[in-house]
Amino acid sequence: MLKLAKLPDRTPVKIGISVTPDLDADLRAYLDLYRTTYEDKGATVADLIPAMLETFLASDRAFVRARRSAGAGT
């Protein structure tokens, strides 16, 4: 199973970023695997990036702890 779950239906928001050629190749390879795994030929790299970032942030323990600590003081 992929760490990234199948994306929920939602309206995409366009975002522009610059990445290295190596990262671009990795993102396209991940997209190919995602499309095969979920039989979702319509998915694009731009669809996956927000979910990847959300998954990364949610799994970063130091970030989650810091966010909780910052919220506890309000």
N, C-alpha and C. Protein backbone atom coordinates (compact mmCIF):
# COMPACT_ATOMS: atom_id res chain seq x y z
N MET A 1 0.83 -1.19 0.00
CA MET A 1 0.00 0.00 0.00
C MET A 1 0.87 1.25 0.00
N LEU A 2 0.42 2.23 -0.71
CA LEU A 2 1.10 3.53 -0.70
C LEU A 2 0.81 4.25 0.61
N LYS A 3 1.72 5.05 1.06
CA LYS A 3 1.49 5.86 2.26
C LYS A 3 0.38 6.87 2.01
N LEU A 4 0.31 7.37 0.79
CA LEU A 4 -0.71 8.34 0.41
C LEU A 4 -1.98 7.60 0.02
N ALA A 5 -3.07 7.87 0.71
CA ALA A 5 -4.35 7.24 0.40
C ALA A 5 -4.94 7.85 -0.87
N LYS A 6 -5.95 7.19 -1.44
CA LYS A 6 -6.62 7.71 -2.63
C LYS A 6 -7.18 9.09 -2.29
N LEU A 7 -6.96 10.02 -3.18
CA LEU A 7 -7.40 11.39 -2.95
C LEU A 7 -8.92 11.48 -2.92
N PRO A 8 -9.48 12.28 -2.00
CA PRO A 8 -10.92 12.49 -1.99
C PRO A 8 -11.31 13.41 -3.13
N ASP A 9 -12.57 13.37 -3.52
CA ASP A 9 -13.06 14.30 -4.54
C ASP A 9 -13.00 15.71 -3.95
N ARG A 10 -12.40 16.63 -4.70
CA ARG A 10 -12.36 18.03 -4.28
C ARG A 10 -11.96 18.89 -5.46
N THR A 11 -12.29 20.15 -5.36
CA THR A 11 -11.94 21.09 -6.41
C THR A 11 -10.47 21.43 -6.29
N PRO A 12 -9.67 21.20 -7.33
CA PRO A 12 -8.24 21.48 -7.22
C PRO A 12 -7.95 22.98 -7.21
N VAL A 13 -6.91 23.35 -6.52
CA VAL A 13 -6.42 24.72 -6.47
C VAL A 13 -5.06 24.72 -7.16
N LYS A 14 -4.89 25.60 -8.12
CA LYS A 14 -3.62 25.65 -8.85
C LYS A 14 -2.54 26.28 -7.99
N ILE A 15 -1.34 25.71 -8.08
CA ILE A 15 -0.19 26.22 -7.36
C ILE A 15 1.02 26.07 -8.28
N GLY A 16 1.88 27.04 -8.24
CA GLY A 16 3.08 26.98 -9.08
C GLY A 16 4.32 26.86 -8.22
N ILE A 17 5.14 25.85 -8.49
CA ILE A 17 6.41 25.68 -7.78
C ILE A 17 7.49 25.29 -8.78
N SER A 18 8.72 25.52 -8.41
CA SER A 18 9.85 25.07 -9.21
C SER A 18 10.51 23.93 -8.46
N VAL A 19 10.81 22.85 -9.18
CA VAL A 19 11.47 21.70 -8.57
C VAL A 19 12.67 21.31 -9.41
N THR A 20 13.55 20.54 -8.80
CA THR A 20 14.72 20.06 -9.53
C THR A 20 14.29 18.98 -10.53
N PRO A 21 15.08 18.75 -11.55
CA PRO A 21 14.76 17.69 -12.50
C PRO A 21 14.62 16.32 -11.82
N ASP A 22 15.45 16.04 -10.82
CA ASP A 22 15.36 14.76 -10.11
C ASP A 22 14.03 14.63 -9.37
N LEU A 23 13.60 15.69 -8.71
CA LEU A 23 12.33 15.65 -8.00
C LEU A 23 11.17 15.52 -8.99
N ASP A 24 11.26 16.21 -10.10
CA ASP A 24 10.23 16.08 -11.14
C ASP A 24 10.11 14.63 -11.60
N ALA A 25 11.23 13.99 -11.82
CA ALA A 25 11.22 12.58 -12.25
C ALA A 25 10.60 11.69 -11.17
N ASP A 26 10.95 11.95 -9.90
CA ASP A 26 10.39 11.16 -8.81
C ASP A 26 8.88 11.38 -8.68
N LEU A 27 8.43 12.62 -8.82
CA LEU A 27 7.00 12.91 -8.74
C LEU A 27 6.24 12.22 -9.87
N ARG A 28 6.80 12.23 -11.07
CA ARG A 28 6.15 11.56 -12.20
C ARG A 28 6.13 10.04 -12.01
N ALA A 29 7.19 9.49 -11.45
CA ALA A 29 7.22 8.05 -11.17
C ALA A 29 6.17 7.69 -10.11
N TYR A 30 6.05 8.54 -9.09
CA TYR A 30 5.04 8.30 -8.05
C TYR A 30 3.65 8.39 -8.66
N LEU A 31 3.45 9.38 -9.54
CA LEU A 31 2.16 9.53 -10.20
C LEU A 31 1.81 8.27 -10.99
N ASP A 32 2.77 7.73 -11.71
CA ASP A 32 2.52 6.49 -12.47
C ASP A 32 2.09 5.37 -11.54
N LEU A 33 2.78 5.21 -10.40
CA LEU A 33 2.43 4.18 -9.45
C LEU A 33 1.05 4.45 -8.84
N TYR A 34 0.77 5.70 -8.51
CA TYR A 34 -0.55 6.08 -7.97
C TYR A 34 -1.65 5.73 -8.97
N ARG A 35 -1.45 6.11 -10.23
CA ARG A 35 -2.46 5.83 -11.25
C ARG A 35 -2.72 4.34 -11.40
N THR A 36 -1.66 3.54 -11.36
CA THR A 36 -1.79 2.09 -11.46
C THR A 36 -2.48 1.51 -10.23
N THR A 37 -2.06 1.95 -9.05
CA THR A 37 -2.61 1.43 -7.80
C THR A 37 -4.09 1.71 -7.67
N TYR A 38 -4.51 2.94 -7.99
CA TYR A 38 -5.89 3.35 -7.79
C TYR A 38 -6.71 3.41 -9.08
N GLU A 39 -6.12 2.98 -10.17
CA GLU A 39 -6.80 3.01 -11.48
C GLU A 39 -7.42 4.38 -11.72
N ASP A 40 -6.62 5.41 -11.47
CA ASP A 40 -7.06 6.80 -11.61
C ASP A 40 -6.20 7.47 -12.66
N LYS A 41 -6.58 7.33 -13.92
CA LYS A 41 -5.78 7.87 -15.03
C LYS A 41 -5.87 9.40 -15.12
N GLY A 42 -6.82 10.01 -14.41
CA GLY A 42 -6.99 11.45 -14.47
C GLY A 42 -6.14 12.23 -13.49
N ALA A 43 -5.52 11.54 -12.54
CA ALA A 43 -4.72 12.22 -11.52
C ALA A 43 -3.49 12.86 -12.15
N THR A 44 -3.10 14.00 -11.62
CA THR A 44 -1.91 14.71 -12.08
C THR A 44 -0.97 14.93 -10.90
N VAL A 45 0.26 15.29 -11.19
CA VAL A 45 1.22 15.62 -10.13
C VAL A 45 0.66 16.75 -9.28
N ALA A 46 0.06 17.74 -9.90
CA ALA A 46 -0.51 18.87 -9.17
C ALA A 46 -1.62 18.42 -8.21
N ASP A 47 -2.33 17.34 -8.54
CA ASP A 47 -3.35 16.80 -7.63
C ASP A 47 -2.71 16.15 -6.41
N LEU A 48 -1.58 15.50 -6.61
CA LEU A 48 -0.94 14.75 -5.54
C LEU A 48 -0.15 15.61 -4.56
N ILE A 49 0.45 16.69 -5.04
CA ILE A 49 1.35 17.48 -4.19
C ILE A 49 0.67 17.99 -2.92
N PRO A 50 -0.54 18.57 -2.95
CA PRO A 50 -1.14 19.01 -1.69
C PRO A 50 -1.35 17.87 -0.70
N ALA A 51 -1.79 16.72 -1.18
CA ALA A 51 -2.00 15.58 -0.28
C ALA A 51 -0.67 15.08 0.27
N MET A 52 0.38 15.11 -0.55
CA MET A 52 1.70 14.70 -0.08
C MET A 52 2.17 15.65 1.02
N LEU A 53 1.98 16.93 0.82
CA LEU A 53 2.40 17.92 1.83
C LEU A 53 1.60 17.75 3.12
N GLU A 54 0.29 17.54 3.01
CA GLU A 54 -0.54 17.33 4.19
C GLU A 54 -0.09 16.09 4.95
N THR A 55 0.20 15.01 4.22
CA THR A 55 0.64 13.76 4.84
C THR A 55 1.99 13.96 5.52
N PHE A 56 2.89 14.66 4.84
CA PHE A 56 4.20 14.93 5.43
C PHE A 56 4.07 15.74 6.71
N LEU A 57 3.31 16.83 6.67
CA LEU A 57 3.17 17.68 7.85
C LEU A 57 2.52 16.93 9.01
N ALA A 58 1.52 16.12 8.72
CA ALA A 58 0.83 15.35 9.76
C ALA A 58 1.74 14.29 10.38
N SER A 59 2.73 13.82 9.64
CA SER A 59 3.61 12.77 10.15
C SER A 59 4.91 13.32 10.74
N ASP A 60 5.12 14.62 10.66
CA ASP A 60 6.32 15.23 11.23
C ASP A 60 6.07 15.51 12.71
N ARG A 61 6.59 14.63 13.56
CA ARG A 61 6.30 14.70 14.99
C ARG A 61 6.75 16.01 15.62
N ALA A 62 7.89 16.52 15.21
CA ALA A 62 8.37 17.79 15.78
C ALA A 62 7.42 18.93 15.42
N PHE A 63 6.94 18.93 14.19
CA PHE A 63 6.00 19.97 13.77
C PHE A 63 4.68 19.86 14.53
N VAL A 64 4.17 18.64 14.65
CA VAL A 64 2.90 18.42 15.36
C VAL A 64 3.03 18.86 16.81
N ARG A 65 4.15 18.48 17.46
CA ARG A 65 4.40 18.88 18.84
C ARG A 65 4.48 20.39 18.98
N ALA A 66 5.22 21.03 18.09
CA ALA A 66 5.37 22.49 18.14
C ALA A 66 4.04 23.17 17.92
N ARG A 67 3.26 22.64 17.02
CA ARG A 67 1.95 23.24 16.74
C ARG A 67 1.04 23.10 17.95
N ARG A 68 1.08 21.92 18.59
CA ARG A 68 0.27 21.71 19.79
C ARG A 68 0.70 22.65 20.90
N SER A 69 2.01 22.80 21.08
CA SER A 69 2.54 23.68 22.11
C SER A 69 2.12 25.13 21.86
N ALA A 70 2.20 25.56 20.61
CA ALA A 70 1.81 26.93 20.28
C ALA A 70 0.31 27.14 20.52
N GLY A 71 -0.49 26.13 20.22
CA GLY A 71 -1.94 26.23 20.44
C GLY A 71 -2.32 26.17 21.89
N ALA A 72 -1.52 25.53 22.72
CA ALA A 72 -1.85 25.38 24.14
C ALA A 72 -1.76 26.72 24.88
N GLY A 73 -0.96 27.64 24.34
CA GLY A 73 -0.80 28.92 25.02
C GLY A 73 -1.87 29.94 24.67
N THR A 74 -2.77 29.61 23.74
CA THR A 74 -3.80 30.58 23.34
C THR A 74 -5.09 30.37 24.06
